[in-house]
């Protein structure tokens, strides 16, 4: 079920992004309420707004895809430049209740998750499967795209409630 939702991420992002745009720019929804809602969301799920809901993120991702840019090297850099929602939710990644967890017993160390993770691809200090490396899922930059969960052949990576 989770893998099916992950495969539909771009469609979900588009629908939610259009809804956020409608709320803010058409209906005049106060941006401070949106910021407050994303802080609460960040406390629960971590940095999910950028990759699952953000209108700017949807546009940026679409442009990068249409331009054929290397997905790992250029995609999602929009979330680092001046967005207070990204800053707050990124900070809340480590404290959030929902985290990406590895079951080391079922992991075969195939490396598929590290190959698809844009944080591990750009910085070799991070790895989802190597215990001596930093966990990219707890990084400020992890926006929980869940590509690592979707690509795991053994189901060793999953979303877990970490209360």
C-alpha atoms as a PDB file:
ATOM      1  CA  UNK A   1       0.000   0.000   0.000  1.00  0.00           C
ATOM      2  CA  UNK A   2       2.784   2.455   0.962  1.00  0.00           C
ATOM      3  CA  UNK A   3       4.721   1.682  -2.225  1.00  0.00           C
ATOM      4  CA  UNK A   4       1.618   2.421  -4.330  1.00  0.00           C
ATOM      5  CA  UNK A   5       1.209   5.791  -2.622  1.00  0.00           C
ATOM      6  CA  UNK A   6       4.898   6.569  -3.164  1.00  0.00           C
ATOM      7  CA  UNK A   7       4.582   5.784  -6.887  1.00  0.00           C
ATOM      8  CA  UNK A   8       1.737   8.314  -7.066  1.00  0.00           C
ATOM      9  CA  UNK A   9       3.717  11.032  -5.231  1.00  0.00           C
ATOM     10  CA  UNK A  10       3.889  13.448  -8.155  1.00  0.00           C
ATOM     11  CA  UNK A  11       0.153  13.231  -8.735  1.00  0.00           C
ATOM     12  CA  UNK A  12      -0.519  13.707  -5.011  1.00  0.00           C
ATOM     13  CA  UNK A  13       1.917  16.624  -4.966  1.00  0.00           C
ATOM     14  CA  UNK A  14       0.187  18.251  -7.931  1.00  0.00           C
ATOM     15  CA  UNK A  15      -3.287  17.913  -6.419  1.00  0.00           C
ATOM     16  CA  UNK A  16      -2.253  19.196  -2.995  1.00  0.00           C
ATOM     17  CA  UNK A  17      -0.107  21.974  -4.522  1.00  0.00           C
ATOM     18  CA  UNK A  18      -3.073  23.200  -6.570  1.00  0.00           C
ATOM     19  CA  UNK A  19      -5.189  23.100  -3.405  1.00  0.00           C
ATOM     20  CA  UNK A  20      -2.582  25.094  -1.441  1.00  0.00           C
ATOM     21  CA  UNK A  21      -2.342  27.616  -4.294  1.00  0.00           C
ATOM     22  CA  UNK A  22      -6.150  27.925  -4.373  1.00  0.00           C
ATOM     23  CA  UNK A  23      -6.347  28.424  -0.608  1.00  0.00           C
ATOM     24  CA  UNK A  24      -3.631  31.066  -0.437  1.00  0.00           C
ATOM     25  CA  UNK A  25      -3.931  33.025  -3.665  1.00  0.00           C
ATOM     26  CA  UNK A  26      -7.567  32.574  -4.691  1.00  0.00           C
ATOM     27  CA  UNK A  27      -9.348  32.247  -1.340  1.00  0.00           C
ATOM     28  CA  UNK A  28      -6.972  34.577   0.531  1.00  0.00           C
ATOM     29  CA  UNK A  29      -6.057  32.046   3.246  1.00  0.00           C
ATOM     30  CA  UNK A  30      -3.618  33.715   5.640  1.00  0.00           C
ATOM     31  CA  UNK A  31      -0.023  32.568   5.066  1.00  0.00           C
ATOM     32  CA  UNK A  32       0.603  32.546   8.811  1.00  0.00           C
ATOM     33  CA  UNK A  33      -2.056  29.853   9.211  1.00  0.00           C
ATOM     34  CA  UNK A  34      -0.351  27.841   6.473  1.00  0.00           C
ATOM     35  CA  UNK A  35       2.972  28.276   8.257  1.00  0.00           C
ATOM     36  CA  UNK A  36       1.413  27.200  11.566  1.00  0.00           C
ATOM     37  CA  UNK A  37      -0.151  24.138   9.919  1.00  0.00           C
ATOM     38  CA  UNK A  38       3.192  23.137   8.374  1.00  0.00           C
ATOM     39  CA  UNK A  39       4.944  23.501  11.747  1.00  0.00           C
ATOM     40  CA  UNK A  40       2.435  21.089  13.292  1.00  0.00           C
ATOM     41  CA  UNK A  41       2.792  18.775  10.281  1.00  0.00           C
ATOM     42  CA  UNK A  42       6.594  18.986  10.565  1.00  0.00           C
ATOM     43  CA  UNK A  43       6.446  17.984  14.217  1.00  0.00           C
ATOM     44  CA  UNK A  44       4.477  14.891  13.276  1.00  0.00           C
ATOM     45  CA  UNK A  45       5.956  13.826   9.931  1.00  0.00           C
ATOM     46  CA  UNK A  46       9.138  15.875   9.530  1.00  0.00           C
ATOM     47  CA  UNK A  47       9.985  17.601   6.279  1.00  0.00           C
ATOM     48  CA  UNK A  48       7.181  16.402   4.025  1.00  0.00           C
ATOM     49  CA  UNK A  49       5.728  19.655   2.704  1.00  0.00           C
ATOM     50  CA  UNK A  50       8.461  20.226   0.080  1.00  0.00           C
ATOM     51  CA  UNK A  51       8.070  16.930  -1.742  1.00  0.00           C
ATOM     52  CA  UNK A  52       4.401  16.171  -1.148  1.00  0.00           C
ATOM     53  CA  UNK A  53       2.543  19.509  -1.028  1.00  0.00           C
ATOM     54  CA  UNK A  54       4.537  22.569  -2.086  1.00  0.00           C
ATOM     55  CA  UNK A  55       3.400  24.406  -5.256  1.00  0.00           C
ATOM     56  CA  UNK A  56       6.924  25.774  -5.827  1.00  0.00           C
ATOM     57  CA  UNK A  57       8.354  22.294  -5.353  1.00  0.00           C
ATOM     58  CA  UNK A  58       5.923  20.853  -7.874  1.00  0.00           C
ATOM     59  CA  UNK A  59       6.849  23.497 -10.456  1.00  0.00           C
ATOM     60  CA  UNK A  60      10.584  23.072  -9.802  1.00  0.00           C
ATOM     61  CA  UNK A  61      10.384  19.298 -10.049  1.00  0.00           C
ATOM     62  CA  UNK A  62       8.355  19.489 -13.263  1.00  0.00           C
ATOM     63  CA  UNK A  63      10.805  21.943 -14.875  1.00  0.00           C
ATOM     64  CA  UNK A  64      13.808  19.790 -13.928  1.00  0.00           C
ATOM     65  CA  UNK A  65      12.082  16.704 -15.330  1.00  0.00           C
ATOM     66  CA  UNK A  66      11.158  18.463 -18.596  1.00  0.00           C
ATOM     67  CA  UNK A  67      14.708  19.788 -18.958  1.00  0.00           C
ATOM     68  CA  UNK A  68      16.102  16.275 -18.479  1.00  0.00           C
ATOM     69  CA  UNK A  69      18.427  17.320 -15.676  1.00  0.00           C
ATOM     70  CA  UNK A  70      20.208  14.685 -13.610  1.00  0.00           C
ATOM     71  CA  UNK A  71      17.563  13.996 -10.986  1.00  0.00           C
ATOM     72  CA  UNK A  72      19.955  13.366  -8.104  1.00  0.00           C
ATOM     73  CA  UNK A  73      22.265  16.302  -8.785  1.00  0.00           C
ATOM     74  CA  UNK A  74      19.804  19.083  -9.529  1.00  0.00           C
ATOM     75  CA  UNK A  75      16.377  18.163  -8.264  1.00  0.00           C
ATOM     76  CA  UNK A  76      14.858  19.597  -5.108  1.00  0.00           C
ATOM     77  CA  UNK A  77      17.427  22.272  -4.513  1.00  0.00           C
ATOM     78  CA  UNK A  78      14.541  24.749  -4.297  1.00  0.00           C
ATOM     79  CA  UNK A  79      13.912  23.735  -0.709  1.00  0.00           C
ATOM     80  CA  UNK A  80      17.260  25.100   0.457  1.00  0.00           C
ATOM     81  CA  UNK A  81      16.829  28.666  -0.751  1.00  0.00           C
ATOM     82  CA  UNK A  82      14.858  30.960   1.489  1.00  0.00           C
ATOM     83  CA  UNK A  83      11.781  28.907   2.330  1.00  0.00           C
ATOM     84  CA  UNK A  84      10.834  29.215   6.005  1.00  0.00           C
ATOM     85  CA  UNK A  85       8.641  26.125   5.783  1.00  0.00           C
ATOM     86  CA  UNK A  86      11.632  24.078   4.575  1.00  0.00           C
ATOM     87  CA  UNK A  87      13.808  25.476   7.351  1.00  0.00           C
ATOM     88  CA  UNK A  88      11.315  24.694  10.096  1.00  0.00           C
ATOM     89  CA  UNK A  89      10.334  21.262   8.824  1.00  0.00           C
ATOM     90  CA  UNK A  90      13.967  20.378   8.132  1.00  0.00           C
ATOM     91  CA  UNK A  91      14.821  21.201  11.719  1.00  0.00           C
ATOM     92  CA  UNK A  92      11.905  19.063  12.900  1.00  0.00           C
ATOM     93  CA  UNK A  93      13.069  15.962  10.942  1.00  0.00           C
ATOM     94  CA  UNK A  94      14.976  14.596  13.939  1.00  0.00           C
ATOM     95  CA  UNK A  95      12.163  15.322  16.399  1.00  0.00           C
ATOM     96  CA  UNK A  96       9.223  14.169  14.266  1.00  0.00           C
ATOM     97  CA  UNK A  97       7.093  11.182  15.233  1.00  0.00           C
ATOM     98  CA  UNK A  98       7.171   9.533  11.797  1.00  0.00           C
ATOM     99  CA  UNK A  99      10.595   8.349  10.641  1.00  0.00           C
ATOM    100  CA  UNK A 100      12.128   6.165   7.963  1.00  0.00           C
ATOM    101  CA  UNK A 101      13.494   3.117   9.760  1.00  0.00           C
ATOM    102  CA  UNK A 102      15.733   0.261   8.656  1.00  0.00           C
ATOM    103  CA  UNK A 103      15.205  -3.305   9.819  1.00  0.00           C
ATOM    104  CA  UNK A 104      18.829  -4.527   9.834  1.00  0.00           C
ATOM    105  CA  UNK A 105      17.768  -8.162  10.150  1.00  0.00           C
ATOM    106  CA  UNK A 106      16.032  -8.247   6.768  1.00  0.00           C
ATOM    107  CA  UNK A 107      18.379  -5.813   4.968  1.00  0.00           C
ATOM    108  CA  UNK A 108      20.662  -7.444   2.385  1.00  0.00           C
ATOM    109  CA  UNK A 109      22.859  -4.323   2.024  1.00  0.00           C
ATOM    110  CA  UNK A 110      22.155  -4.224  -1.724  1.00  0.00           C
ATOM    111  CA  UNK A 111      22.576  -0.417  -1.742  1.00  0.00           C
ATOM    112  CA  UNK A 112      19.485   0.307  -3.850  1.00  0.00           C
ATOM    113  CA  UNK A 113      18.239   2.797  -1.231  1.00  0.00           C
ATOM    114  CA  UNK A 114      21.534   4.719  -1.180  1.00  0.00           C
ATOM    115  CA  UNK A 115      21.593   4.815  -4.984  1.00  0.00           C
ATOM    116  CA  UNK A 116      18.134   6.411  -5.173  1.00  0.00           C
ATOM    117  CA  UNK A 117      18.531   8.777  -2.187  1.00  0.00           C
ATOM    118  CA  UNK A 118      19.560  12.228  -3.393  1.00  0.00           C
ATOM    119  CA  UNK A 119      21.268  12.992  -0.069  1.00  0.00           C
ATOM    120  CA  UNK A 120      23.450   9.858  -0.179  1.00  0.00           C
ATOM    121  CA  UNK A 121      24.159  10.448  -3.875  1.00  0.00           C
ATOM    122  CA  UNK A 122      25.427  13.996  -3.250  1.00  0.00           C
ATOM    123  CA  UNK A 123      27.261  13.383   0.016  1.00  0.00           C
ATOM    124  CA  UNK A 124      29.125  10.142   0.707  1.00  0.00           C
ATOM    125  CA  UNK A 125      29.047  10.827   4.467  1.00  0.00           C
ATOM    126  CA  UNK A 126      25.421   9.624   4.420  1.00  0.00           C
ATOM    127  CA  UNK A 127      24.062   6.102   4.036  1.00  0.00           C
ATOM    128  CA  UNK A 128      20.837   4.390   4.960  1.00  0.00           C
ATOM    129  CA  UNK A 129      22.509   0.986   5.312  1.00  0.00           C
ATOM    130  CA  UNK A 130      26.015   1.668   6.631  1.00  0.00           C
ATOM    131  CA  UNK A 131      25.955   2.100  10.428  1.00  0.00           C
ATOM    132  CA  UNK A 132      29.174   4.148  10.473  1.00  0.00           C
ATOM    133  CA  UNK A 133      27.669   6.820   8.211  1.00  0.00           C
ATOM    134  CA  UNK A 134      25.130   9.547   8.981  1.00  0.00           C
ATOM    135  CA  UNK A 135      21.475   8.644   8.447  1.00  0.00           C
ATOM    136  CA  UNK A 136      20.111  10.739   5.552  1.00  0.00           C
ATOM    137  CA  UNK A 137      16.547  10.204   6.790  1.00  0.00           C
ATOM    138  CA  UNK A 138      17.374  12.332   9.838  1.00  0.00           C
ATOM    139  CA  UNK A 139      19.131  15.027   7.824  1.00  0.00           C
ATOM    140  CA  UNK A 140      17.740  18.532   7.504  1.00  0.00           C
ATOM    141  CA  UNK A 141      17.632  17.975   3.737  1.00  0.00           C
ATOM    142  CA  UNK A 142      15.563  14.765   3.770  1.00  0.00           C
ATOM    143  CA  UNK A 143      12.112  15.697   2.493  1.00  0.00           C
ATOM    144  CA  UNK A 144      10.741  12.173   2.870  1.00  0.00           C
ATOM    145  CA  UNK A 145      10.197  11.481  -0.817  1.00  0.00           C
ATOM    146  CA  UNK A 146      10.270   7.820   0.267  1.00  0.00           C
ATOM    147  CA  UNK A 147      12.042   6.710  -2.908  1.00  0.00           C
ATOM    148  CA  UNK A 148      14.314   4.651  -0.637  1.00  0.00           C
ATOM    149  CA  UNK A 149      11.315   2.843   0.840  1.00  0.00           C
ATOM    150  CA  UNK A 150       9.820   2.216  -2.604  1.00  0.00           C
ATOM    151  CA  UNK A 151      13.016   0.769  -4.091  1.00  0.00           C
ATOM    152  CA  UNK A 152      13.899  -1.563  -1.195  1.00  0.00           C
ATOM    153  CA  UNK A 153      13.509  -5.128  -2.532  1.00  0.00           C
ATOM    154  CA  UNK A 154      13.208  -6.727   0.909  1.00  0.00           C
ATOM    155  CA  UNK A 155      10.938  -4.156   2.570  1.00  0.00           C
ATOM    156  CA  UNK A 156      13.639  -3.417   5.136  1.00  0.00           C
ATOM    157  CA  UNK A 157      12.927   0.313   4.985  1.00  0.00           C
ATOM    158  CA  UNK A 158       9.575   1.573   6.153  1.00  0.00           C
ATOM    159  CA  UNK A 159       7.801   4.460   7.804  1.00  0.00           C
ATOM    160  CA  UNK A 160       7.516   3.920  11.528  1.00  0.00           C
ATOM    161  CA  UNK A 161       5.906   5.820  14.343  1.00  0.00           C
ATOM    162  CA  UNK A 162       8.711   6.765  16.706  1.00  0.00           C
ATOM    163  CA  UNK A 163       6.970   8.081  19.799  1.00  0.00           C
END
